[in-house]
Amino acid sequence: MFLAAGAEAQTFTYAQNKPAADKIAAIVGDKIILESEIESAIIQAKEQGATLPPDAKCITLGQMMTSKALVLQAEIDSLPASDDEVNARIENKIRYFLSLYGSQQKMEEETGLSIYQIRDRFRDPIKEGLLAEAMQRKIVDGVKITPSEVISYYNKIPKDSLRYYESEVEVGQIVLKPKPSKEVVQYTIDQLNEFRKEVQSGEKSFQVLANLYSKDLGTGSNILTIDRTQNMYDPDFVAAAFRLKEGEISPVVKSQFGYHIIQLVSREGDIVKVRHILQIPPITPTDMNATIQKMDSIRADIVEGKTTFGQAATQYSDDDNIMGGTKSTGGMFTQQEDGSTYLTIDQLDKGIVLMLDTMKIGEISGPVTFSPDPRMPENKYVRIVYLKSRTQPHRENLQDDYSKIQDRALKEKQAKAMNKWFNDHMPSFYLKVDDEYKDCNDVQGWVKDSDAAGRKNT
């Protein structure tokens, strides 16, 4: 499937470029597909960098017709698509487009629609999308695959077409952040409070102070845009930013990076623009040594079998999200796409890669200090690294890659189940396709089957 745009995205593009006259490209049951919706989907795909085949319009219409058929059957089967789910997806889409346009006003100017009209245009396509997903899940949820089927699937792959895998590793880490002394923390807080007073009195500019003193060299006095639905920033920082009024400066806020004061520049719904000044309490050699000793103790407990690496990571690690969020995965680095713990070397930071060169499988390194952000080398952490496994570069085989092969075999079986469902059910729906699409093979096959079924029933 070459199109990434969903029905709601197509509707939004259509809302921006609605033609004076439109025509019906196809009808499935009581569901209408407009020519402009097909064109909008293709525009959306091009904008996303998709390479379109010559029969892009035929493929797009076929995809839309399959979606409509799934919706029709979902309605017949009374599958759920709650108002709460629909509203949540609408708001996610609104936030996405607000982030693209930069503000609600700009979005409304560009589309010629109010935000209320945009929400209204999203509602039906999003509800249909939820119904189609529910129906698809119902069709494929019962599809299982046996080991013998996996082996059969693998044996049918030509040997020269088997995938080649680079070396992969399973790696975990436990991270501790050294704690500064109470006196140093209080000095940092007092300094930020002084900055706040100087701005509030008009003595100095927030932007100038940020330029001079902020330890966040990535933003400094530049404006930082935060979408609170994206989970990209520290939650305490985000919560403090959204409590502010325009121009207001926050009290001192603690985050995983240090201590801040925040100035709100503007707000549009769930998106704010802020400036901030970050101060990081300096870590003394005494603080660092105490952290290293604690990490040594944790490592010793793992090696002696008093706890597991995963249990220790969950209990002690400070890596909530800044360095991969490994605390929530038992210390292991994972793939974002599928949660797999197998990664190639280029997916790990250079510090870990250098450590792995001298490590054996099953080994846990000694404590190592590091800075997760090269722009803030003074912001140091301590970690231990666990090398769980390492594969050699190899051609795909059942022994080393069974789970990957199983996943592909299952997807193929599910696709066959979907195709069978469509072949069995499409003739039962009323189908009509515009003459422009008469040469679209799959579409016309469905229409002929539907017509034949209709003649048989009369």
Protein backbone atom coordinates (compact mmCIF):
# COMPACT_ATOMS: atom_id res chain seq x y z
CA MET A 1 0.00 0.00 0.00
CA PHE A 2 1.77 3.15 -1.18
CA LEU A 3 -0.59 5.72 0.33
CA ALA A 4 0.08 6.80 3.90
CA ALA A 5 -2.73 9.35 4.13
CA GLY A 6 -5.75 8.33 6.18
CA ALA A 7 -9.32 9.27 5.40
CA GLU A 8 -9.19 12.20 7.80
CA ALA A 9 -6.10 13.61 6.09
CA GLN A 10 -7.79 13.27 2.72
CA THR A 11 -10.82 15.13 4.04
CA PHE A 12 -8.63 17.95 5.34
CA THR A 13 -6.89 18.39 1.99
CA TYR A 14 -10.28 18.29 0.30
CA ALA A 15 -11.52 21.00 2.67
CA GLN A 16 -8.69 23.25 1.52
CA ASN A 17 -9.17 22.65 -2.21
CA LYS A 18 -12.86 21.88 -2.53
CA PRO A 19 -13.83 22.11 -6.20
CA ALA A 20 -16.90 23.93 -7.45
CA ALA A 21 -18.18 20.71 -9.00
CA ASP A 22 -17.35 17.14 -8.05
CA LYS A 23 -18.27 13.74 -9.34
CA ILE A 24 -18.92 10.37 -7.78
CA ALA A 25 -16.07 7.96 -8.50
CA ALA A 26 -17.67 4.95 -6.83
CA ILE A 27 -20.47 3.81 -4.53
CA VAL A 28 -20.17 0.92 -2.08
CA GLY A 29 -23.48 0.14 -0.42
CA ASP A 30 -24.62 3.58 0.73
CA LYS A 31 -21.06 4.94 0.94
CA ILE A 32 -19.97 7.45 -1.71
CA ILE A 33 -16.37 8.04 -2.86
CA LEU A 34 -15.80 11.38 -4.59
CA GLU A 35 -13.27 12.05 -7.32
CA SER A 36 -11.82 14.88 -5.22
CA GLU A 37 -11.16 12.49 -2.32
CA ILE A 38 -9.02 10.31 -4.59
CA GLU A 39 -7.11 13.34 -5.87
CA SER A 40 -6.60 14.64 -2.32
CA ALA A 41 -5.20 11.29 -1.18
CA ILE A 42 -2.73 11.32 -4.07
CA ILE A 43 -1.68 14.91 -3.27
CA GLN A 44 -1.15 13.88 0.34
CA ALA A 45 0.98 10.90 -0.72
CA LYS A 46 3.15 13.11 -2.95
CA GLU A 47 3.65 15.60 -0.12
CA GLN A 48 4.86 12.72 2.04
CA GLY A 49 7.42 11.72 -0.58
CA ALA A 50 5.70 8.59 -1.88
CA THR A 51 6.64 7.28 -5.33
CA LEU A 52 3.37 6.87 -7.21
CA PRO A 53 2.81 4.15 -9.83
CA PRO A 54 1.06 4.95 -13.14
CA ASP A 55 -2.20 3.43 -11.86
CA ALA A 56 -2.19 5.43 -8.62
CA LYS A 57 -5.81 6.50 -9.03
CA CYS A 58 -6.95 2.90 -9.53
CA ILE A 59 -5.03 1.70 -6.48
CA THR A 60 -6.36 4.58 -4.38
CA LEU A 61 -9.95 3.89 -5.39
CA GLY A 62 -9.47 0.20 -4.60
CA GLN A 63 -8.16 1.05 -1.14
CA MET A 64 -11.08 3.38 -0.48
CA MET A 65 -13.61 0.80 -1.66
CA THR A 66 -12.12 -1.86 0.63
CA SER A 67 -12.32 0.58 3.53
CA LYS A 68 -15.98 1.36 2.77
CA ALA A 69 -16.78 -2.37 2.62
CA LEU A 70 -15.18 -2.90 6.03
CA VAL A 71 -17.21 -0.01 7.44
CA LEU A 72 -20.45 -1.43 6.02
CA GLN A 73 -19.80 -4.83 7.58
CA ALA A 74 -18.77 -3.23 10.88
CA GLU A 75 -22.10 -1.40 10.95
CA ILE A 76 -23.95 -4.63 10.18
CA ASP A 77 -22.04 -6.41 12.98
CA SER A 78 -22.59 -3.46 15.36
CA LEU A 79 -18.89 -3.07 16.09
CA PRO A 80 -18.07 -0.20 18.45
CA ALA A 81 -16.61 3.22 17.61
CA SER A 82 -17.35 5.31 20.68
CA ASP A 83 -17.74 9.07 20.68
CA ASP A 84 -14.84 9.28 23.13
CA GLU A 85 -12.53 7.47 20.68
CA VAL A 86 -13.71 9.64 17.79
CA ASN A 87 -13.28 12.87 19.77
CA ALA A 88 -9.82 11.84 20.96
CA ARG A 89 -8.66 11.19 17.38
CA ILE A 90 -10.19 14.45 16.20
CA GLU A 91 -8.25 16.39 18.83
CA ASN A 92 -5.04 14.54 17.94
CA LYS A 93 -5.51 15.54 14.30
CA ILE A 94 -6.29 19.14 15.24
CA ARG A 95 -3.12 19.30 17.33
CA TYR A 96 -1.10 17.81 14.48
CA PHE A 97 -2.30 20.41 11.99
CA LEU A 98 -1.88 23.21 14.54
CA SER A 99 1.76 22.18 14.85
CA LEU A 100 2.14 22.31 11.04
CA TYR A 101 0.52 25.72 10.65
CA GLY A 102 1.94 27.19 13.85
CA SER A 103 -1.30 28.67 15.16
CA GLN A 104 -5.07 28.26 15.01
CA GLN A 105 -5.42 31.59 13.23
CA LYS A 106 -2.98 30.58 10.49
CA MET A 107 -4.72 27.22 10.04
CA GLU A 108 -8.13 28.87 9.70
CA GLU A 109 -6.77 31.44 7.23
CA GLU A 110 -5.11 28.80 5.04
CA THR A 111 -8.08 26.42 4.97
CA GLY A 112 -10.87 28.99 4.94
CA LEU A 113 -12.58 27.00 7.70
CA SER A 114 -13.11 27.65 11.38
CA ILE A 115 -11.70 25.11 13.82
CA TYR A 116 -15.27 23.98 14.50
CA GLN A 117 -15.85 23.32 10.78
CA ILE A 118 -12.57 21.40 10.57
CA ARG A 119 -13.61 19.23 13.53
CA ASP A 120 -16.95 18.59 11.83
CA ARG A 121 -15.25 17.55 8.57
CA PHE A 122 -13.01 15.12 10.44
CA ARG A 123 -15.81 13.42 12.38
CA ASP A 124 -17.35 11.05 9.83
CA PRO A 125 -14.05 9.93 8.19
CA ILE A 126 -12.47 9.29 11.58
CA LYS A 127 -15.47 7.29 12.76
CA GLU A 128 -15.36 5.27 9.55
CA GLY A 129 -11.62 4.71 10.07
CA LEU A 130 -12.26 3.31 13.56
CA LEU A 131 -14.98 1.02 12.25
CA ALA A 132 -12.76 -0.24 9.41
CA GLU A 133 -9.95 -0.96 11.89
CA ALA A 134 -12.35 -2.82 14.19
CA MET A 135 -13.64 -4.94 11.31
CA GLN A 136 -10.15 -5.72 10.09
CA ARG A 137 -9.14 -6.82 13.58
CA LYS A 138 -12.20 -9.07 13.74
CA ILE A 139 -11.22 -10.74 10.46
CA VAL A 140 -7.55 -11.37 11.30
CA ASP A 141 -7.62 -11.86 15.09
CA GLY A 142 -8.50 -15.51 14.72
CA VAL A 143 -5.67 -16.14 12.26
CA LYS A 144 -2.90 -18.17 13.91
CA ILE A 145 0.20 -19.78 12.53
CA THR A 146 1.83 -23.10 13.43
CA PRO A 147 5.56 -23.92 13.49
CA SER A 148 5.11 -26.19 10.47
CA GLU A 149 3.56 -23.30 8.52
CA VAL A 150 6.51 -21.07 9.45
CA ILE A 151 8.94 -23.71 8.18
CA SER A 152 6.93 -24.14 4.99
CA TYR A 153 6.90 -20.36 4.43
CA TYR A 154 10.68 -20.21 4.94
CA ASN A 155 11.37 -23.15 2.60
CA LYS A 156 9.50 -21.40 -0.22
CA ILE A 157 11.83 -18.38 -0.10
CA PRO A 158 14.53 -18.65 -2.82
CA LYS A 159 17.91 -19.01 -1.13
CA ASP A 160 19.30 -15.96 -2.93
CA SER A 161 16.33 -13.90 -1.69
CA LEU A 162 16.84 -14.62 2.00
CA ARG A 163 17.49 -11.44 3.97
CA TYR A 164 20.96 -10.52 5.12
CA TYR A 165 21.32 -9.22 8.67
CA GLU A 166 24.15 -7.12 10.02
CA SER A 167 25.48 -7.92 13.47
CA GLU A 168 22.83 -7.20 16.12
CA VAL A 169 23.14 -6.84 19.87
CA GLU A 170 20.85 -6.88 22.88
CA VAL A 171 22.11 -4.22 25.26
CA GLY A 172 20.83 -2.77 28.52
CA GLN A 173 21.87 -0.02 30.87
CA ILE A 174 21.21 1.21 34.39
CA VAL A 175 21.70 4.94 34.81
CA LEU A 176 22.17 6.96 37.99
CA LYS A 177 22.18 10.73 38.13
CA PRO A 178 24.54 12.12 40.79
CA LYS A 179 22.74 14.20 43.39
CA PRO A 180 24.24 17.62 44.20
CA SER A 181 24.52 18.80 47.80
CA LYS A 182 21.61 20.71 49.36
CA GLU A 183 23.76 23.83 49.66
CA VAL A 184 24.60 23.83 45.93
CA VAL A 185 20.94 23.26 44.99
CA GLN A 186 19.82 26.15 47.17
CA TYR A 187 22.44 28.44 45.64
CA THR A 188 21.14 27.54 42.15
CA ILE A 189 17.52 28.21 43.15
CA ASP A 190 18.48 31.56 44.72
CA GLN A 191 20.30 32.58 41.54
CA LEU A 192 17.24 31.78 39.36
CA ASN A 193 14.97 33.67 41.76
CA GLU A 194 17.26 36.68 41.42
CA PHE A 195 17.02 36.46 37.62
CA ARG A 196 13.23 36.34 37.95
CA LYS A 197 13.16 39.49 40.11
CA GLU A 198 15.41 41.36 37.67
CA VAL A 199 13.04 40.63 34.76
CA GLN A 200 9.87 41.38 36.72
CA SER A 201 11.30 44.73 37.87
CA GLY A 202 12.17 45.65 34.30
CA GLU A 203 15.84 45.84 35.14
CA LYS A 204 16.85 43.17 32.64
CA SER A 205 15.39 41.26 29.69
CA PHE A 206 14.57 37.54 30.03
CA GLN A 207 16.03 36.99 26.59
CA VAL A 208 19.33 38.67 27.50
CA LEU A 209 19.62 36.67 30.73
CA ALA A 210 18.91 33.45 28.84
CA ASN A 211 21.68 34.30 26.39
CA LEU A 212 24.14 34.96 29.20
CA TYR A 213 23.31 32.29 31.75
CA SER A 214 21.15 29.42 30.42
CA LYS A 215 22.95 26.08 30.34
CA ASP A 216 20.62 24.85 27.59
CA LEU A 217 22.85 25.81 24.70
CA GLY A 218 20.37 24.21 22.29
CA THR A 219 17.75 26.88 22.92
CA GLY A 220 19.28 29.70 24.95
CA SER A 221 17.13 32.77 24.26
CA ASN A 222 15.45 31.09 21.28
CA ILE A 223 11.79 30.21 21.55
CA LEU A 224 10.96 26.61 22.43
CA THR A 225 7.70 25.18 21.01
CA ILE A 226 6.02 22.53 23.16
CA ASP A 227 3.11 20.30 22.17
CA ARG A 228 1.99 18.63 25.37
CA THR A 229 0.53 15.67 23.46
CA GLN A 230 3.93 14.62 22.07
CA ASN A 231 5.69 13.53 25.32
CA MET A 232 8.95 15.08 24.10
CA TYR A 233 9.73 17.17 27.17
CA ASP A 234 10.01 16.70 30.91
CA PRO A 235 6.44 16.48 32.31
CA ASP A 236 7.13 18.85 35.21
CA PHE A 237 8.57 21.43 32.81
CA VAL A 238 5.54 21.08 30.50
CA ALA A 239 3.04 21.32 33.38
CA ALA A 240 4.69 24.51 34.65
CA ALA A 241 4.70 26.06 31.16
CA PHE A 242 0.98 25.45 30.68
CA ARG A 243 0.13 27.07 34.02
CA LEU A 244 1.52 30.42 32.85
CA LYS A 245 -0.20 33.41 31.30
CA GLU A 246 1.38 35.21 28.35
CA GLY A 247 4.48 37.09 29.47
CA GLU A 248 4.41 35.54 32.96
CA ILE A 249 7.52 33.96 34.48
CA SER A 250 7.26 30.73 36.45
CA PRO A 251 8.66 30.09 39.90
CA VAL A 252 11.74 27.84 39.87
CA VAL A 253 10.89 24.46 38.29
CA LYS A 254 12.85 21.25 38.80
CA SER A 255 13.17 18.83 35.88
CA GLN A 256 15.37 15.86 35.09
CA PHE A 257 17.82 18.31 33.47
CA GLY A 258 18.18 20.77 36.35
CA TYR A 259 16.32 23.89 37.52
CA HIS A 260 14.51 26.41 35.31
CA ILE A 261 12.52 29.58 35.20
CA ILE A 262 10.13 29.69 32.23
CA GLN A 263 8.56 32.64 30.41
CA LEU A 264 5.42 32.03 28.33
CA VAL A 265 5.58 33.73 24.94
CA SER A 266 2.25 32.51 23.49
CA ARG A 267 -0.29 29.69 23.64
CA GLU A 268 -2.58 28.09 21.06
CA GLY A 269 -4.60 25.22 22.54
CA ASP A 270 -2.17 22.43 23.46
CA ILE A 271 0.84 24.21 21.96
CA VAL A 272 2.91 26.81 23.83
CA LYS A 273 5.98 28.82 22.94
CA VAL A 274 8.33 29.57 25.83
CA ARG A 275 11.76 30.84 26.77
CA HIS A 276 13.60 29.35 29.70
CA ILE A 277 16.77 29.68 31.70
CA LEU A 278 18.31 26.38 32.78
CA GLN A 279 20.77 26.11 35.63
CA ILE A 280 22.43 22.81 36.51
CA PRO A 281 23.74 22.52 40.08
CA PRO A 282 27.41 21.52 39.75
CA ILE A 283 28.36 18.04 40.87
CA THR A 284 31.34 17.85 43.17
CA PRO A 285 33.86 14.99 43.12
CA THR A 286 32.35 13.83 46.42
CA ASP A 287 28.87 13.64 44.83
CA MET A 288 30.23 11.69 41.86
CA ASN A 289 32.15 9.22 44.03
CA ALA A 290 29.03 8.52 46.11
CA THR A 291 27.08 7.73 42.93
CA ILE A 292 29.81 5.45 41.60
CA GLN A 293 29.88 3.56 44.92
CA LYS A 294 26.10 3.11 44.81
CA MET A 295 26.33 1.79 41.24
CA ASP A 296 29.12 -0.61 42.28
CA SER A 297 26.82 -1.96 44.98
CA ILE A 298 23.94 -2.43 42.49
CA ARG A 299 26.25 -4.25 40.08
CA ALA A 300 27.54 -6.52 42.84
CA ASP A 301 23.98 -7.52 43.79
CA ILE A 302 23.25 -8.47 40.16
CA VAL A 303 26.47 -10.44 39.71
CA GLU A 304 25.89 -12.29 43.01
CA GLY A 305 22.33 -13.19 41.97
CA LYS A 306 20.61 -11.16 44.68
CA THR A 307 18.59 -9.40 41.99
CA THR A 308 18.30 -9.46 38.20
CA PHE A 309 19.47 -6.74 35.83
CA GLY A 310 15.86 -6.00 34.87
CA GLN A 311 14.69 -5.74 38.47
CA ALA A 312 17.58 -3.44 39.36
CA ALA A 313 16.91 -1.22 36.33
CA THR A 314 13.24 -0.88 37.26
CA GLN A 315 14.08 -0.10 40.88
CA TYR A 316 17.11 2.18 40.57
CA SER A 317 17.61 3.56 37.05
CA ASP A 318 17.12 7.28 36.41
CA ASP A 319 16.65 6.70 32.65
CA ASP A 320 12.95 7.55 32.42
CA ASN A 321 13.15 8.94 28.86
CA ILE A 322 16.23 11.07 28.31
CA MET A 323 18.52 8.24 27.14
CA GLY A 324 16.11 5.73 25.63
CA GLY A 325 13.61 5.28 28.46
CA THR A 326 15.21 1.98 29.46
CA LYS A 327 13.85 2.08 33.01
CA SER A 328 10.44 0.96 31.71
CA THR A 329 11.90 -1.92 29.65
CA GLY A 330 13.94 -3.62 32.34
CA GLY A 331 17.01 -1.65 31.30
CA MET A 332 17.01 -2.90 27.69
CA PHE A 333 17.23 -0.69 24.62
CA THR A 334 14.36 -1.43 22.21
CA GLN A 335 13.23 -0.64 18.67
CA GLN A 336 10.56 2.07 18.58
CA GLU A 337 8.67 0.37 15.75
CA ASP A 338 8.08 -3.09 17.20
CA GLY A 339 9.66 -3.16 20.66
CA SER A 340 12.36 -5.61 19.56
CA THR A 341 15.45 -5.70 21.78
CA TYR A 342 17.75 -6.43 18.81
CA LEU A 343 19.61 -3.37 17.55
CA THR A 344 22.44 -2.75 15.11
CA ILE A 345 25.55 -0.98 16.33
CA ASP A 346 24.65 2.25 14.53
CA GLN A 347 21.48 2.53 16.64
CA LEU A 348 23.50 2.90 19.87
CA ASP A 349 25.41 5.90 21.14
CA LYS A 350 29.15 5.93 20.56
CA GLY A 351 29.98 5.59 24.24
CA ILE A 352 28.19 2.25 24.49
CA VAL A 353 29.61 1.02 21.18
CA LEU A 354 33.17 1.59 22.45
CA MET A 355 32.38 -0.33 25.65
CA LEU A 356 30.93 -3.29 23.72
CA ASP A 357 34.21 -3.82 21.82
CA THR A 358 35.81 -5.31 24.94
CA MET A 359 32.76 -6.96 26.54
CA LYS A 360 31.77 -10.62 26.51
CA ILE A 361 28.19 -11.88 26.19
CA GLY A 362 26.49 -11.86 29.59
CA GLU A 363 28.99 -9.37 31.04
CA ILE A 364 28.03 -6.26 33.03
CA SER A 365 30.48 -3.38 32.80
CA GLY A 366 31.85 -1.43 35.74
CA PRO A 367 30.42 2.07 36.41
CA VAL A 368 31.24 4.63 33.71
CA THR A 369 30.59 8.39 33.77
CA PHE A 370 29.12 10.02 30.66
CA SER A 371 27.22 13.10 29.40
CA PRO A 372 24.05 12.26 27.40
CA ASP A 373 24.01 15.70 25.75
CA PRO A 374 27.34 16.88 24.25
CA ARG A 375 26.07 20.46 24.47
CA MET A 376 26.03 20.14 28.28
CA PRO A 377 29.18 18.19 29.20
CA GLU A 378 28.86 19.26 32.83
CA ASN A 379 25.59 17.31 33.12
CA LYS A 380 27.16 13.95 34.00
CA TYR A 381 25.57 10.58 34.78
CA VAL A 382 26.89 7.16 35.80
CA ARG A 383 25.88 3.91 34.10
CA ILE A 384 26.61 0.23 33.87
CA VAL A 385 26.06 -1.60 30.58
CA TYR A 386 24.85 -5.20 30.08
CA LEU A 387 25.61 -7.13 26.88
CA LYS A 388 22.92 -9.80 26.75
CA SER A 389 23.61 -11.20 23.28
CA ARG A 390 25.39 -10.56 20.00
CA THR A 391 24.70 -12.05 16.58
CA GLN A 392 27.21 -12.33 13.77
CA PRO A 393 26.41 -10.97 10.28
CA HIS A 394 24.46 -13.75 8.60
CA ARG A 395 21.96 -14.81 5.99
CA GLU A 396 18.47 -15.33 7.42
CA ASN A 397 17.84 -18.77 8.91
CA LEU A 398 15.28 -20.50 11.12
CA GLN A 399 17.59 -20.99 14.06
CA ASP A 400 18.64 -17.34 14.49
CA ASP A 401 15.67 -15.50 13.00
CA TYR A 402 12.62 -17.64 13.72
CA SER A 403 10.57 -14.85 15.31
CA LYS A 404 11.15 -12.51 12.34
CA ILE A 405 10.21 -15.21 9.84
CA GLN A 406 7.17 -16.14 11.94
CA ASP A 407 5.99 -12.54 11.94
CA ARG A 408 6.22 -12.27 8.14
CA ALA A 409 4.49 -15.63 7.66
CA LEU A 410 1.66 -14.55 9.95
CA LYS A 411 1.23 -11.26 8.09
CA GLU A 412 1.03 -13.15 4.79
CA LYS A 413 -1.61 -15.51 6.21
CA GLN A 414 -3.59 -12.56 7.55
CA ALA A 415 -3.42 -10.87 4.14
CA LYS A 416 -4.82 -14.04 2.53
CA ALA A 417 -7.63 -14.07 5.09
CA MET A 418 -8.43 -10.45 4.21
CA ASN A 419 -8.43 -11.20 0.48
CA LYS A 420 -10.74 -14.17 1.01
CA TRP A 421 -13.08 -12.03 3.08
CA PHE A 422 -13.30 -9.44 0.32
CA ASN A 423 -13.84 -12.03 -2.39
CA ASP A 424 -16.64 -13.60 -0.32
CA HIS A 425 -18.34 -10.39 0.79
CA MET A 426 -17.88 -7.83 -2.00
CA PRO A 427 -20.54 -9.45 -4.23
CA SER A 428 -23.10 -8.92 -1.46
CA PHE A 429 -22.68 -5.12 -1.54
CA TYR A 430 -24.17 -2.75 -4.08
CA LEU A 431 -21.22 -1.49 -6.15
CA LYS A 432 -21.09 1.16 -8.83
CA VAL A 433 -17.93 2.60 -10.42
CA ASP A 434 -17.56 5.55 -12.77
CA ASP A 435 -16.56 4.73 -16.37
CA GLU A 436 -13.18 6.45 -15.86
CA TYR A 437 -12.20 3.53 -13.65
CA LYS A 438 -13.57 0.74 -15.86
CA ASP A 439 -10.06 -0.59 -16.59
CA CYS A 440 -9.08 -0.91 -12.91
CA ASN A 441 -8.76 -4.69 -12.66
CA ASP A 442 -9.57 -5.38 -9.01
CA VAL A 443 -12.34 -2.81 -8.85
CA GLN A 444 -14.11 -4.05 -11.96
CA GLY A 445 -13.78 -7.65 -10.80
CA TRP A 446 -15.69 -6.76 -7.64
CA VAL A 447 -18.36 -4.91 -9.63
CA LYS A 448 -18.85 -7.84 -12.01
CA ASP A 449 -19.18 -10.26 -9.09
CA SER A 450 -21.65 -7.90 -7.43
CA ASP A 451 -23.70 -7.58 -10.63
CA ALA A 452 -23.69 -11.34 -11.08
CA ALA A 453 -24.84 -11.87 -7.52
CA GLY A 454 -27.62 -9.32 -8.05
CA ARG A 455 -28.88 -11.08 -11.21
CA LYS A 456 -28.76 -14.42 -9.43
CA ASN A 457 -30.94 -13.10 -6.61
CA THR A 458 -33.60 -11.61 -8.92
